[in-house]
Amino acid sequence: MQIVEFTADSLRFSDALPAQPPTDGFVWIFFDRDEFQTHLPLLQQATQQLGGSALLDLHCQDLSNAVHPSHYDFTSIYDLIIFRRLATQVETRAEAELETAVEAYHGQGGQPRTKPRGGLAAFNRISSRAVGFVVFDRLLISVHPRGCYTAKSFIERSLTDAKFSVDAVSARSRIPSSPTDLVLRMVNTMVDSYLDVRKELIPFLLHK
């Protein structure tokens, strides 16, 4: 689990749950899905303390479900968003290796995939992973597949933006201003990955 406090022009990592959000910012808590049950008590404490409401049991089930489809729900206090991002090449390779191992174990003569599905490298990436977001006014909780690039890339980007803000006031606008702003940026990045695959697929489909 990572706890990050965003202010107007910087961010800092925290080892413990803050008593309240920054006066000019918000708190982001993110962790891997396989840690969900372990961190659930702290998660519920955070939502009560920083968000004003505990998560509904149904929404906890949604967040812990790795095969949940893209979905949106809401309460009067928070919004729940589940978005299935495109799997990375590392993830699809691991998935293929697991399938091969299972086939071999059951005596079906599984062989490693030597060619991408459909004869095009882009087809190998058409697999998705659920990322969950709980959006409060000043608290964001996100639940990711293990090793998810989404959270890591945005932490690195925000750190870079915070460094720029020291020397350039205009760079402050690059720091996420709210939980909603950060979710929008992350979802946009995940959507872009689908658009990148589409660019590879269209020429192939036009020649079919």
N, C-alpha and C. Protein backbone atom coordinates (compact mmCIF):
# COMPACT_ATOMS: atom_id res chain seq x y z
N MET A 1 0.84 -1.20 0.00
CA MET A 1 0.00 0.00 0.00
C MET A 1 0.87 1.24 0.00
N GLN A 2 0.46 2.24 -0.79
CA GLN A 2 1.13 3.53 -0.81
C GLN A 2 0.13 4.63 -0.46
N ILE A 3 0.57 5.55 0.36
CA ILE A 3 -0.24 6.71 0.73
C ILE A 3 0.48 7.95 0.26
N VAL A 4 -0.17 8.73 -0.60
CA VAL A 4 0.44 9.92 -1.17
C VAL A 4 -0.45 11.12 -0.86
N GLU A 5 0.16 12.18 -0.34
CA GLU A 5 -0.56 13.42 -0.08
C GLU A 5 -0.20 14.45 -1.14
N PHE A 6 -1.19 14.90 -1.89
CA PHE A 6 -0.98 15.93 -2.91
C PHE A 6 -1.38 17.29 -2.34
N THR A 7 -0.55 18.29 -2.61
CA THR A 7 -0.91 19.67 -2.33
C THR A 7 -0.94 20.40 -3.67
N ALA A 8 -1.08 21.72 -3.62
CA ALA A 8 -1.22 22.47 -4.87
C ALA A 8 -0.01 22.36 -5.76
N ASP A 9 1.18 22.20 -5.19
CA ASP A 9 2.39 22.20 -6.02
C ASP A 9 3.39 21.11 -5.66
N SER A 10 3.00 20.14 -4.86
CA SER A 10 3.94 19.10 -4.47
C SER A 10 3.19 17.84 -4.02
N LEU A 11 3.94 16.82 -3.68
CA LEU A 11 3.38 15.60 -3.12
C LEU A 11 4.39 14.98 -2.17
N ARG A 12 3.89 14.21 -1.24
CA ARG A 12 4.79 13.52 -0.33
C ARG A 12 4.20 12.16 0.01
N PHE A 13 5.09 11.20 0.27
CA PHE A 13 4.68 9.86 0.66
C PHE A 13 4.55 9.80 2.18
N SER A 14 3.57 9.05 2.65
CA SER A 14 3.35 8.93 4.08
C SER A 14 3.36 7.46 4.49
N ASP A 15 3.90 7.19 5.66
CA ASP A 15 3.92 5.82 6.18
C ASP A 15 2.66 5.49 6.97
N ALA A 16 1.89 6.51 7.28
CA ALA A 16 0.68 6.30 8.08
C ALA A 16 -0.45 7.14 7.53
N LEU A 17 -1.65 6.75 7.87
CA LEU A 17 -2.83 7.47 7.43
C LEU A 17 -2.87 8.85 8.09
N PRO A 18 -2.96 9.93 7.30
CA PRO A 18 -3.03 11.26 7.90
C PRO A 18 -4.37 11.47 8.63
N ALA A 19 -4.36 12.35 9.62
CA ALA A 19 -5.58 12.62 10.38
C ALA A 19 -6.63 13.30 9.51
N GLN A 20 -6.16 14.07 8.50
CA GLN A 20 -7.06 14.75 7.59
C GLN A 20 -6.33 15.06 6.29
N PRO A 21 -7.04 15.32 5.22
CA PRO A 21 -6.37 15.66 3.96
C PRO A 21 -5.66 17.01 4.08
N PRO A 22 -4.68 17.28 3.21
CA PRO A 22 -4.04 18.60 3.19
C PRO A 22 -5.10 19.67 2.94
N THR A 23 -4.90 20.85 3.51
CA THR A 23 -5.89 21.92 3.35
C THR A 23 -6.02 22.35 1.89
N ASP A 24 -4.95 22.17 1.11
CA ASP A 24 -4.99 22.57 -0.31
C ASP A 24 -4.78 21.39 -1.24
N GLY A 25 -5.20 20.20 -0.81
CA GLY A 25 -4.98 19.04 -1.67
C GLY A 25 -5.85 17.85 -1.30
N PHE A 26 -5.32 16.66 -1.55
CA PHE A 26 -6.07 15.43 -1.30
C PHE A 26 -5.11 14.28 -1.05
N VAL A 27 -5.66 13.15 -0.64
CA VAL A 27 -4.87 11.95 -0.34
C VAL A 27 -5.21 10.87 -1.35
N TRP A 28 -4.16 10.21 -1.83
CA TRP A 28 -4.33 9.06 -2.74
C TRP A 28 -3.77 7.82 -2.07
N ILE A 29 -4.59 6.79 -1.95
CA ILE A 29 -4.16 5.50 -1.41
C ILE A 29 -4.33 4.46 -2.51
N PHE A 30 -3.24 3.75 -2.83
CA PHE A 30 -3.36 2.71 -3.86
C PHE A 30 -2.60 1.47 -3.44
N PHE A 31 -3.08 0.32 -3.93
CA PHE A 31 -2.45 -0.95 -3.57
C PHE A 31 -2.86 -2.02 -4.57
N ASP A 32 -2.17 -3.16 -4.51
CA ASP A 32 -2.47 -4.28 -5.40
C ASP A 32 -3.74 -5.00 -4.94
N ARG A 33 -4.48 -5.55 -5.90
CA ARG A 33 -5.75 -6.20 -5.58
C ARG A 33 -5.55 -7.39 -4.64
N ASP A 34 -4.47 -8.12 -4.80
CA ASP A 34 -4.29 -9.30 -3.94
C ASP A 34 -3.98 -8.92 -2.49
N GLU A 35 -3.83 -7.61 -2.21
CA GLU A 35 -3.65 -7.13 -0.84
C GLU A 35 -4.96 -6.55 -0.27
N PHE A 36 -6.03 -6.64 -1.03
CA PHE A 36 -7.26 -5.94 -0.66
C PHE A 36 -7.78 -6.37 0.71
N GLN A 37 -7.93 -7.65 0.92
CA GLN A 37 -8.49 -8.12 2.19
C GLN A 37 -7.58 -7.76 3.35
N THR A 38 -6.27 -7.81 3.12
CA THR A 38 -5.32 -7.46 4.18
C THR A 38 -5.48 -6.01 4.62
N HIS A 39 -5.68 -5.13 3.64
CA HIS A 39 -5.74 -3.70 3.93
C HIS A 39 -7.16 -3.18 4.15
N LEU A 40 -8.18 -4.05 4.07
CA LEU A 40 -9.55 -3.59 4.16
C LEU A 40 -9.86 -2.83 5.45
N PRO A 41 -9.41 -3.29 6.62
CA PRO A 41 -9.71 -2.51 7.85
C PRO A 41 -9.14 -1.09 7.78
N LEU A 42 -7.89 -0.95 7.31
CA LEU A 42 -7.31 0.38 7.19
C LEU A 42 -8.03 1.19 6.12
N LEU A 43 -8.45 0.51 5.07
CA LEU A 43 -9.17 1.17 3.99
C LEU A 43 -10.49 1.77 4.51
N GLN A 44 -11.21 1.00 5.30
CA GLN A 44 -12.47 1.49 5.84
C GLN A 44 -12.23 2.62 6.85
N GLN A 45 -11.13 2.55 7.57
CA GLN A 45 -10.78 3.65 8.47
C GLN A 45 -10.50 4.92 7.67
N ALA A 46 -9.79 4.76 6.56
CA ALA A 46 -9.45 5.91 5.72
C ALA A 46 -10.70 6.54 5.12
N THR A 47 -11.62 5.71 4.63
CA THR A 47 -12.81 6.27 4.00
C THR A 47 -13.69 6.99 5.02
N GLN A 48 -13.74 6.49 6.24
CA GLN A 48 -14.50 7.16 7.29
C GLN A 48 -13.83 8.46 7.71
N GLN A 49 -12.51 8.38 7.90
CA GLN A 49 -11.75 9.51 8.45
C GLN A 49 -11.52 10.62 7.45
N LEU A 50 -11.22 10.25 6.20
CA LEU A 50 -10.87 11.24 5.19
C LEU A 50 -11.98 11.49 4.18
N GLY A 51 -12.90 10.52 4.05
CA GLY A 51 -13.94 10.66 3.04
C GLY A 51 -15.33 10.93 3.60
N GLY A 52 -15.56 10.49 4.85
CA GLY A 52 -16.84 10.74 5.48
C GLY A 52 -17.83 9.60 5.39
N SER A 53 -17.40 8.46 4.83
CA SER A 53 -18.31 7.31 4.71
C SER A 53 -17.52 6.04 4.46
N ALA A 54 -17.91 4.95 5.11
CA ALA A 54 -17.32 3.66 4.83
C ALA A 54 -17.79 3.15 3.46
N LEU A 55 -17.02 2.25 2.87
CA LEU A 55 -17.42 1.64 1.59
C LEU A 55 -18.51 0.60 1.83
N LEU A 56 -19.46 0.56 0.92
CA LEU A 56 -20.48 -0.47 0.98
C LEU A 56 -19.84 -1.84 0.74
N ASP A 57 -20.41 -2.88 1.38
CA ASP A 57 -19.88 -4.23 1.20
C ASP A 57 -19.88 -4.65 -0.27
N LEU A 58 -20.94 -4.28 -0.99
CA LEU A 58 -21.04 -4.62 -2.41
C LEU A 58 -19.89 -3.99 -3.20
N HIS A 59 -19.54 -2.76 -2.88
CA HIS A 59 -18.44 -2.10 -3.59
C HIS A 59 -17.10 -2.71 -3.23
N CYS A 60 -16.96 -3.19 -2.01
CA CYS A 60 -15.73 -3.89 -1.63
C CYS A 60 -15.58 -5.17 -2.46
N GLN A 61 -16.70 -5.86 -2.68
CA GLN A 61 -16.67 -7.06 -3.51
C GLN A 61 -16.29 -6.71 -4.95
N ASP A 62 -16.83 -5.60 -5.45
CA ASP A 62 -16.51 -5.16 -6.80
C ASP A 62 -15.01 -4.89 -6.94
N LEU A 63 -14.44 -4.18 -5.98
CA LEU A 63 -13.03 -3.80 -6.04
C LEU A 63 -12.10 -5.02 -5.95
N SER A 64 -12.52 -6.04 -5.23
CA SER A 64 -11.67 -7.22 -5.05
C SER A 64 -11.80 -8.24 -6.18
N ASN A 65 -12.74 -7.99 -7.10
CA ASN A 65 -13.02 -8.94 -8.18
C ASN A 65 -12.13 -8.64 -9.40
N ALA A 66 -11.19 -9.51 -9.68
CA ALA A 66 -10.24 -9.30 -10.77
C ALA A 66 -10.87 -9.40 -12.15
N VAL A 67 -12.03 -10.04 -12.25
CA VAL A 67 -12.67 -10.22 -13.56
C VAL A 67 -13.90 -9.33 -13.72
N HIS A 68 -14.03 -8.35 -12.88
CA HIS A 68 -15.19 -7.45 -12.95
C HIS A 68 -15.14 -6.64 -14.23
N PRO A 69 -16.26 -6.51 -14.95
CA PRO A 69 -16.28 -5.68 -16.16
C PRO A 69 -16.20 -4.20 -15.79
N SER A 70 -15.93 -3.37 -16.79
CA SER A 70 -15.96 -1.93 -16.55
C SER A 70 -17.34 -1.55 -16.02
N HIS A 71 -17.32 -0.62 -15.06
CA HIS A 71 -18.56 -0.39 -14.31
C HIS A 71 -18.51 0.97 -13.63
N TYR A 72 -19.69 1.54 -13.40
CA TYR A 72 -19.79 2.79 -12.63
C TYR A 72 -20.96 2.69 -11.66
N ASP A 73 -20.73 3.17 -10.42
CA ASP A 73 -21.79 3.24 -9.43
C ASP A 73 -21.49 4.42 -8.52
N PHE A 74 -22.44 4.80 -7.70
CA PHE A 74 -22.21 5.96 -6.84
C PHE A 74 -23.09 5.90 -5.60
N THR A 75 -22.67 6.64 -4.60
CA THR A 75 -23.49 6.91 -3.43
C THR A 75 -23.56 8.44 -3.29
N SER A 76 -24.18 8.91 -2.25
CA SER A 76 -24.25 10.36 -2.05
C SER A 76 -22.90 10.93 -1.61
N ILE A 77 -21.94 10.05 -1.25
CA ILE A 77 -20.64 10.50 -0.72
C ILE A 77 -19.50 10.24 -1.70
N TYR A 78 -19.53 9.12 -2.42
CA TYR A 78 -18.41 8.77 -3.30
C TYR A 78 -18.90 8.12 -4.58
N ASP A 79 -17.99 8.07 -5.57
CA ASP A 79 -18.23 7.39 -6.84
C ASP A 79 -17.32 6.17 -6.94
N LEU A 80 -17.83 5.11 -7.53
CA LEU A 80 -17.05 3.91 -7.79
C LEU A 80 -16.89 3.74 -9.29
N ILE A 81 -15.65 3.58 -9.74
CA ILE A 81 -15.36 3.37 -11.16
C ILE A 81 -14.47 2.14 -11.30
N ILE A 82 -14.86 1.24 -12.17
CA ILE A 82 -13.98 0.12 -12.53
C ILE A 82 -13.75 0.20 -14.03
N PHE A 83 -12.49 0.26 -14.40
CA PHE A 83 -12.12 0.37 -15.82
C PHE A 83 -11.13 -0.74 -16.15
N ARG A 84 -11.42 -1.45 -17.22
CA ARG A 84 -10.53 -2.54 -17.62
C ARG A 84 -9.49 -2.00 -18.60
N ARG A 85 -8.28 -1.87 -18.11
CA ARG A 85 -7.20 -1.37 -18.95
C ARG A 85 -6.62 -2.50 -19.78
N LEU A 86 -5.94 -2.13 -20.85
CA LEU A 86 -5.28 -3.11 -21.71
C LEU A 86 -4.11 -3.74 -20.96
N ALA A 87 -3.98 -5.04 -21.08
CA ALA A 87 -2.86 -5.72 -20.44
C ALA A 87 -1.55 -5.36 -21.12
N THR A 88 -0.48 -5.34 -20.35
CA THR A 88 0.84 -5.09 -20.93
C THR A 88 1.36 -6.36 -21.58
N GLN A 89 2.42 -6.23 -22.36
CA GLN A 89 3.02 -7.40 -23.01
C GLN A 89 3.56 -8.37 -21.98
N VAL A 90 4.08 -7.86 -20.86
CA VAL A 90 4.57 -8.73 -19.79
C VAL A 90 3.43 -9.55 -19.21
N GLU A 91 2.28 -8.90 -19.02
CA GLU A 91 1.12 -9.61 -18.46
C GLU A 91 0.58 -10.65 -19.41
N THR A 92 0.47 -10.31 -20.70
CA THR A 92 -0.06 -11.29 -21.65
C THR A 92 0.91 -12.46 -21.84
N ARG A 93 2.22 -12.17 -21.76
CA ARG A 93 3.20 -13.26 -21.86
C ARG A 93 3.07 -14.20 -20.66
N ALA A 94 2.91 -13.64 -19.47
CA ALA A 94 2.74 -14.46 -18.27
C ALA A 94 1.45 -15.27 -18.35
N GLU A 95 0.40 -14.66 -18.90
CA GLU A 95 -0.87 -15.36 -19.06
C GLU A 95 -0.73 -16.53 -20.01
N ALA A 96 -0.02 -16.32 -21.12
CA ALA A 96 0.18 -17.40 -22.09
C ALA A 96 1.01 -18.53 -21.49
N GLU A 97 2.03 -18.18 -20.71
CA GLU A 97 2.86 -19.20 -20.08
C GLU A 97 2.06 -20.01 -19.07
N LEU A 98 1.16 -19.34 -18.35
CA LEU A 98 0.31 -20.05 -17.40
C LEU A 98 -0.63 -21.01 -18.11
N GLU A 99 -1.22 -20.54 -19.21
CA GLU A 99 -2.12 -21.40 -19.98
C GLU A 99 -1.38 -22.63 -20.49
N THR A 100 -0.17 -22.42 -20.96
CA THR A 100 0.62 -23.54 -21.47
C THR A 100 0.93 -24.54 -20.36
N ALA A 101 1.27 -24.01 -19.18
CA ALA A 101 1.59 -24.88 -18.05
C ALA A 101 0.37 -25.69 -17.62
N VAL A 102 -0.81 -25.06 -17.62
CA VAL A 102 -2.03 -25.76 -17.24
C VAL A 102 -2.36 -26.85 -18.26
N GLU A 103 -2.22 -26.52 -19.55
CA GLU A 103 -2.49 -27.51 -20.60
C GLU A 103 -1.54 -28.69 -20.48
N ALA A 104 -0.28 -28.41 -20.22
CA ALA A 104 0.71 -29.48 -20.08
C ALA A 104 0.40 -30.35 -18.86
N TYR A 105 -0.01 -29.70 -17.78
CA TYR A 105 -0.31 -30.44 -16.54
C TYR A 105 -1.47 -31.40 -16.75
N HIS A 106 -2.45 -31.00 -17.55
CA HIS A 106 -3.61 -31.85 -17.80
C HIS A 106 -3.40 -32.80 -18.98
N GLY A 107 -2.17 -32.87 -19.46
CA GLY A 107 -1.86 -33.84 -20.50
C GLY A 107 -2.40 -33.52 -21.86
N GLN A 108 -2.58 -32.19 -22.14
CA GLN A 108 -3.13 -31.82 -23.44
C GLN A 108 -2.04 -31.38 -24.41
N GLY A 109 -0.80 -31.61 -24.02
CA GLY A 109 0.29 -31.32 -24.94
C GLY A 109 0.46 -29.85 -25.22
N GLY A 110 0.24 -29.02 -24.22
CA GLY A 110 0.37 -27.58 -24.43
C GLY A 110 1.77 -27.19 -24.86
N GLN A 111 1.87 -26.34 -25.83
CA GLN A 111 3.15 -25.83 -26.31
C GLN A 111 3.18 -24.32 -26.16
N PRO A 112 4.35 -23.74 -25.89
CA PRO A 112 4.43 -22.28 -25.80
C PRO A 112 3.97 -21.64 -27.10
N ARG A 113 3.31 -20.52 -26.99
CA ARG A 113 2.87 -19.81 -28.18
C ARG A 113 4.06 -19.23 -28.91
N THR A 114 4.24 -19.60 -30.14
CA THR A 114 5.36 -19.09 -30.93
C THR A 114 4.91 -17.98 -31.85
N LYS A 115 3.57 -17.87 -32.07
CA LYS A 115 3.03 -16.81 -32.92
C LYS A 115 1.93 -16.09 -32.17
N PRO A 116 1.81 -14.80 -32.36
CA PRO A 116 0.73 -14.07 -31.71
C PRO A 116 -0.63 -14.51 -32.21
N ARG A 117 -1.64 -14.29 -31.39
CA ARG A 117 -2.99 -14.62 -31.81
C ARG A 117 -3.35 -13.81 -33.04
N GLY A 118 -3.96 -14.47 -34.02
CA GLY A 118 -4.42 -13.77 -35.20
C GLY A 118 -3.33 -13.40 -36.17
N GLY A 119 -2.08 -13.77 -35.90
CA GLY A 119 -1.00 -13.49 -36.82
C GLY A 119 -0.47 -12.07 -36.74
N LEU A 120 -0.91 -11.28 -35.77
CA LEU A 120 -0.44 -9.91 -35.64
C LEU A 120 -0.07 -9.66 -34.19
N ALA A 121 1.06 -9.01 -33.96
CA ALA A 121 1.53 -8.81 -32.59
C ALA A 121 0.50 -8.09 -31.74
N ALA A 122 -0.23 -7.15 -32.31
CA ALA A 122 -1.21 -6.38 -31.54
C ALA A 122 -2.29 -7.27 -30.93
N PHE A 123 -2.63 -8.39 -31.62
CA PHE A 123 -3.66 -9.26 -31.10
C PHE A 123 -3.26 -9.87 -29.76
N ASN A 124 -1.97 -10.05 -29.56
CA ASN A 124 -1.50 -10.63 -28.31
C ASN A 124 -1.78 -9.73 -27.12
N ARG A 125 -2.02 -8.45 -27.36
CA ARG A 125 -2.25 -7.51 -26.28
C ARG A 125 -3.73 -7.33 -25.96
N ILE A 126 -4.61 -8.00 -26.70
CA ILE A 126 -6.04 -7.81 -26.46
C ILE A 126 -6.48 -8.69 -25.30
N SER A 127 -6.12 -8.24 -24.15
CA SER A 127 -6.50 -8.83 -22.88
C SER A 127 -6.56 -7.66 -21.91
N SER A 128 -7.43 -7.72 -20.93
CA SER A 128 -7.61 -6.55 -20.07
C SER A 128 -7.56 -6.92 -18.59
N ARG A 129 -7.31 -5.90 -17.78
CA ARG A 129 -7.20 -6.05 -16.33
C ARG A 129 -8.05 -4.96 -15.67
N ALA A 130 -8.77 -5.31 -14.61
CA ALA A 130 -9.64 -4.35 -13.93
C ALA A 130 -8.84 -3.47 -12.97
N VAL A 131 -9.06 -2.16 -13.07
CA VAL A 131 -8.51 -1.19 -12.13
C VAL A 131 -9.71 -0.50 -11.47
N GLY A 132 -9.73 -0.45 -10.14
CA GLY A 132 -10.85 0.13 -9.43
C GLY A 132 -10.50 1.47 -8.80
N PHE A 133 -11.46 2.40 -8.82
CA PHE A 133 -11.27 3.72 -8.22
C PHE A 133 -12.47 4.04 -7.32
N VAL A 134 -12.18 4.56 -6.15
CA VAL A 134 -13.22 5.11 -5.27
C VAL A 134 -12.88 6.58 -5.09
N VAL A 135 -13.79 7.46 -5.54
CA VAL A 135 -13.50 8.88 -5.63
C VAL A 135 -14.35 9.67 -4.63
N PHE A 136 -13.69 10.20 -3.60
CA PHE A 136 -14.31 11.12 -2.65
C PHE A 136 -13.89 12.54 -3.03
N ASP A 137 -14.40 13.52 -2.29
CA ASP A 137 -14.04 14.91 -2.56
C ASP A 137 -12.55 15.16 -2.38
N ARG A 138 -11.96 14.55 -1.33
CA ARG A 138 -10.54 14.81 -1.04
C ARG A 138 -9.78 13.53 -0.73
N LEU A 139 -10.28 12.44 -1.22
CA LEU A 139 -9.64 11.14 -1.04
C LEU A 139 -9.86 10.30 -2.29
N LEU A 140 -8.80 9.68 -2.76
CA LEU A 140 -8.89 8.72 -3.87
C LEU A 140 -8.29 7.41 -3.43
N ILE A 141 -9.01 6.33 -3.66
CA ILE A 141 -8.50 4.98 -3.43
C ILE A 141 -8.51 4.26 -4.76
N SER A 142 -7.40 3.62 -5.09
CA SER A 142 -7.36 2.84 -6.34
C SER A 142 -6.79 1.46 -6.06
N VAL A 143 -7.38 0.48 -6.75
CA VAL A 143 -7.01 -0.93 -6.57
C VAL A 143 -6.55 -1.46 -7.92
N HIS A 144 -5.33 -2.02 -7.95
CA HIS A 144 -4.67 -2.36 -9.21
C HIS A 144 -4.27 -3.84 -9.26
N PRO A 145 -4.11 -4.38 -10.47
CA PRO A 145 -3.47 -5.68 -10.61
C PRO A 145 -2.02 -5.56 -10.13
N ARG A 146 -1.44 -6.66 -9.69
CA ARG A 146 -0.06 -6.62 -9.19
C ARG A 146 0.88 -6.08 -10.27
N GLY A 147 1.74 -5.15 -9.85
CA GLY A 147 2.72 -4.58 -10.77
C GLY A 147 2.13 -3.63 -11.79
N CYS A 148 0.94 -3.10 -11.54
CA CYS A 148 0.25 -2.25 -12.52
C CYS A 148 1.08 -1.01 -12.85
N TYR A 149 1.23 -0.75 -14.15
CA TYR A 149 2.01 0.40 -14.60
C TYR A 149 1.30 1.72 -14.35
N THR A 150 -0.02 1.70 -14.21
CA THR A 150 -0.79 2.94 -14.12
C THR A 150 -0.39 3.78 -12.92
N ALA A 151 -0.42 3.17 -11.74
CA ALA A 151 -0.07 3.92 -10.53
C ALA A 151 1.39 4.35 -10.56
N LYS A 152 2.27 3.45 -10.93
CA LYS A 152 3.70 3.75 -10.94
C LYS A 152 4.02 4.90 -11.89
N SER A 153 3.46 4.88 -13.08
CA SER A 153 3.77 5.91 -14.06
C SER A 153 3.27 7.27 -13.61
N PHE A 154 2.12 7.32 -12.93
CA PHE A 154 1.61 8.61 -12.49
C PHE A 154 2.35 9.15 -11.28
N ILE A 155 2.87 8.27 -10.44
CA ILE A 155 3.72 8.74 -9.35
C ILE A 155 4.98 9.36 -9.93
N GLU A 156 5.61 8.67 -10.89
CA GLU A 156 6.83 9.20 -11.50
C GLU A 156 6.55 10.53 -12.19
N ARG A 157 5.43 10.63 -12.90
CA ARG A 157 5.09 11.85 -13.60
C ARG A 157 4.83 13.00 -12.62
N SER A 158 4.14 12.70 -11.52
CA SER A 158 3.84 13.74 -10.53
C SER A 158 5.09 14.22 -9.83
N LEU A 159 6.02 13.30 -9.57
CA LEU A 159 7.28 13.70 -8.96
C LEU A 159 8.05 14.65 -9.88
N THR A 160 8.04 14.34 -11.18
CA THR A 160 8.69 15.21 -12.15
C THR A 160 8.02 16.57 -12.19
N ASP A 161 6.70 16.59 -12.20
CA ASP A 161 5.96 17.85 -12.22
C ASP A 161 6.23 18.68 -10.98
N ALA A 162 6.32 17.99 -9.82
CA ALA A 162 6.59 18.71 -8.57
C ALA A 162 7.96 19.36 -8.60
N LYS A 163 8.94 18.68 -9.20
CA LYS A 163 10.28 19.26 -9.29
C LYS A 163 10.26 20.49 -10.19
N PHE A 164 9.51 20.42 -11.29
CA PHE A 164 9.41 21.58 -12.18
C PHE A 164 8.75 22.77 -11.49
N SER A 165 7.81 22.47 -10.59
CA SER A 165 7.06 23.55 -9.95
C SER A 165 7.93 24.39 -9.03
N VAL A 166 9.07 23.86 -8.61
CA VAL A 166 9.97 24.62 -7.77
C VAL A 166 10.52 25.82 -8.52
N ASP A 167 10.76 25.66 -9.81
CA ASP A 167 11.36 26.72 -10.61
C ASP A 167 10.40 27.43 -11.54
N ALA A 168 9.22 26.84 -11.75
CA ALA A 168 8.29 27.44 -12.71
C ALA A 168 6.87 27.39 -12.14
N VAL A 169 6.35 28.54 -11.84
CA VAL A 169 5.02 28.61 -11.24
C VAL A 169 3.97 27.99 -12.15
N SER A 170 4.14 28.16 -13.46
CA SER A 170 3.16 27.64 -14.41
C SER A 170 3.06 26.13 -14.37
N ALA A 171 4.13 25.46 -13.89
CA ALA A 171 4.12 24.00 -13.84
C ALA A 171 3.20 23.46 -12.76
N ARG A 172 2.74 24.32 -11.86
CA ARG A 172 1.88 23.85 -10.78
C ARG A 172 0.59 23.25 -11.32
N SER A 173 0.12 23.74 -12.43
CA SER A 173 -1.12 23.24 -13.00
C SER A 173 -1.01 21.78 -13.45
N ARG A 174 0.22 21.26 -13.54
CA ARG A 174 0.41 19.89 -13.97
C ARG A 174 0.21 18.91 -12.82
N ILE A 175 0.23 19.38 -11.58
CA ILE A 175 -0.05 18.52 -10.44
C ILE A 175 -1.55 18.29 -10.37
N PRO A 176 -2.02 17.04 -10.21
CA PRO A 176 -3.47 16.81 -10.11
C PRO A 176 -4.07 17.67 -9.01
N SER A 177 -5.17 18.31 -9.32
CA SER A 177 -5.79 19.25 -8.39
C SER A 177 -6.84 18.60 -7.49
N SER A 178 -7.27 17.40 -7.84
CA SER A 178 -8.33 16.74 -7.08
C SER A 178 -8.33 15.25 -7.40
N PRO A 179 -9.01 14.42 -6.60
CA PRO A 179 -9.14 13.00 -6.93
C PRO A 179 -9.74 12.79 -8.32
N THR A 180 -10.74 13.58 -8.66
CA THR A 180 -11.38 13.45 -9.98
C THR A 180 -10.39 13.73 -11.10
N ASP A 181 -9.57 14.76 -10.92
CA ASP A 181 -8.56 15.11 -11.91
C ASP A 181 -7.57 13.97 -12.12
N LEU A 182 -7.11 13.37 -11.03
CA LEU A 182 -6.15 12.27 -11.13
C LEU A 182 -6.76 11.05 -11.81
N VAL A 183 -8.01 10.71 -11.45
CA VAL A 183 -8.67 9.57 -12.09
C VAL A 183 -8.83 9.81 -13.58
N LEU A 184 -9.24 11.03 -13.94
CA LEU A 184 -9.41 11.35 -15.36
C LEU A 184 -8.12 11.18 -16.12
N ARG A 185 -7.02 11.61 -15.55
CA ARG A 185 -5.72 11.47 -16.22
C ARG A 185 -5.33 10.00 -16.38
N MET A 186 -5.57 9.20 -15.34
CA MET A 186 -5.22 7.79 -15.42
C MET A 186 -6.09 7.05 -16.44
N VAL A 187 -7.39 7.32 -16.42
CA VAL A 187 -8.29 6.66 -17.38
C VAL A 187 -7.94 7.08 -18.81
N ASN A 188 -7.62 8.36 -19.01
CA ASN A 188 -7.23 8.82 -20.34
C ASN A 188 -6.01 8.06 -20.85
N THR A 189 -5.05 7.83 -19.97
CA THR A 189 -3.85 7.08 -20.35
C THR A 189 -4.21 5.65 -20.73
N MET A 190 -5.11 5.04 -19.98
CA MET A 190 -5.51 3.67 -20.28
C MET A 190 -6.28 3.60 -21.60
N VAL A 191 -7.10 4.61 -21.86
CA VAL A 191 -7.82 4.66 -23.14
C VAL A 191 -6.84 4.81 -24.30
N ASP A 192 -5.81 5.64 -24.10
CA ASP A 192 -4.81 5.85 -25.15
C ASP A 192 -4.14 4.53 -25.56
N SER A 193 -3.97 3.62 -24.62
CA SER A 193 -3.33 2.34 -24.96
C SER A 193 -4.21 1.54 -25.93
N TYR A 194 -5.53 1.65 -25.78
CA TYR A 194 -6.43 0.99 -26.73
C TYR A 194 -6.34 1.66 -28.11
N LEU A 195 -6.22 2.97 -28.11
CA LEU A 195 -6.12 3.68 -29.39
C LEU A 195 -4.83 3.31 -30.11
N ASP A 196 -3.76 3.10 -29.34
CA ASP A 196 -2.49 2.70 -29.96
C ASP A 196 -2.62 1.34 -30.64
N VAL A 197 -3.33 0.41 -30.00
CA VAL A 197 -3.54 -0.90 -30.60
C VAL A 197 -4.41 -0.78 -31.84
N ARG A 198 -5.39 0.10 -31.79
CA ARG A 198 -6.27 0.29 -32.95
C ARG A 198 -5.47 0.73 -34.17
N LYS A 199 -4.46 1.57 -33.96
CA LYS A 199 -3.63 2.02 -35.08
C LYS A 199 -2.92 0.84 -35.75
N GLU A 200 -2.57 -0.16 -34.94
CA GLU A 200 -1.91 -1.34 -35.51
C GLU A 200 -2.90 -2.26 -36.19
N LEU A 201 -4.12 -2.31 -35.66
CA LEU A 201 -5.10 -3.26 -36.18
C LEU A 201 -5.77 -2.80 -37.47
N ILE A 202 -6.01 -1.50 -37.60
CA ILE A 202 -6.75 -1.01 -38.77
C ILE A 202 -6.10 -1.39 -40.09
N PRO A 203 -4.79 -1.15 -40.29
CA PRO A 203 -4.17 -1.55 -41.57
C PRO A 203 -4.31 -3.05 -41.83
N PHE A 204 -4.19 -3.85 -40.76
CA PHE A 204 -4.31 -5.30 -40.90
C PHE A 204 -5.73 -5.68 -41.34
N LEU A 205 -6.74 -5.07 -40.70
CA LEU A 205 -8.13 -5.41 -41.02
C LEU A 205 -8.53 -4.93 -42.42
N LEU A 206 -7.97 -3.80 -42.85
CA LEU A 206 -8.30 -3.30 -44.17
C LEU A 206 -7.80 -4.20 -45.29
N HIS A 207 -6.79 -5.00 -44.99
CA HIS A 207 -6.24 -5.88 -46.01
C HIS A 207 -6.77 -7.31 -45.90
N LYS A 208 -7.73 -7.52 -44.99
CA LYS A 208 -8.29 -8.86 -44.86
C LYS A 208 -9.23 -9.15 -46.02
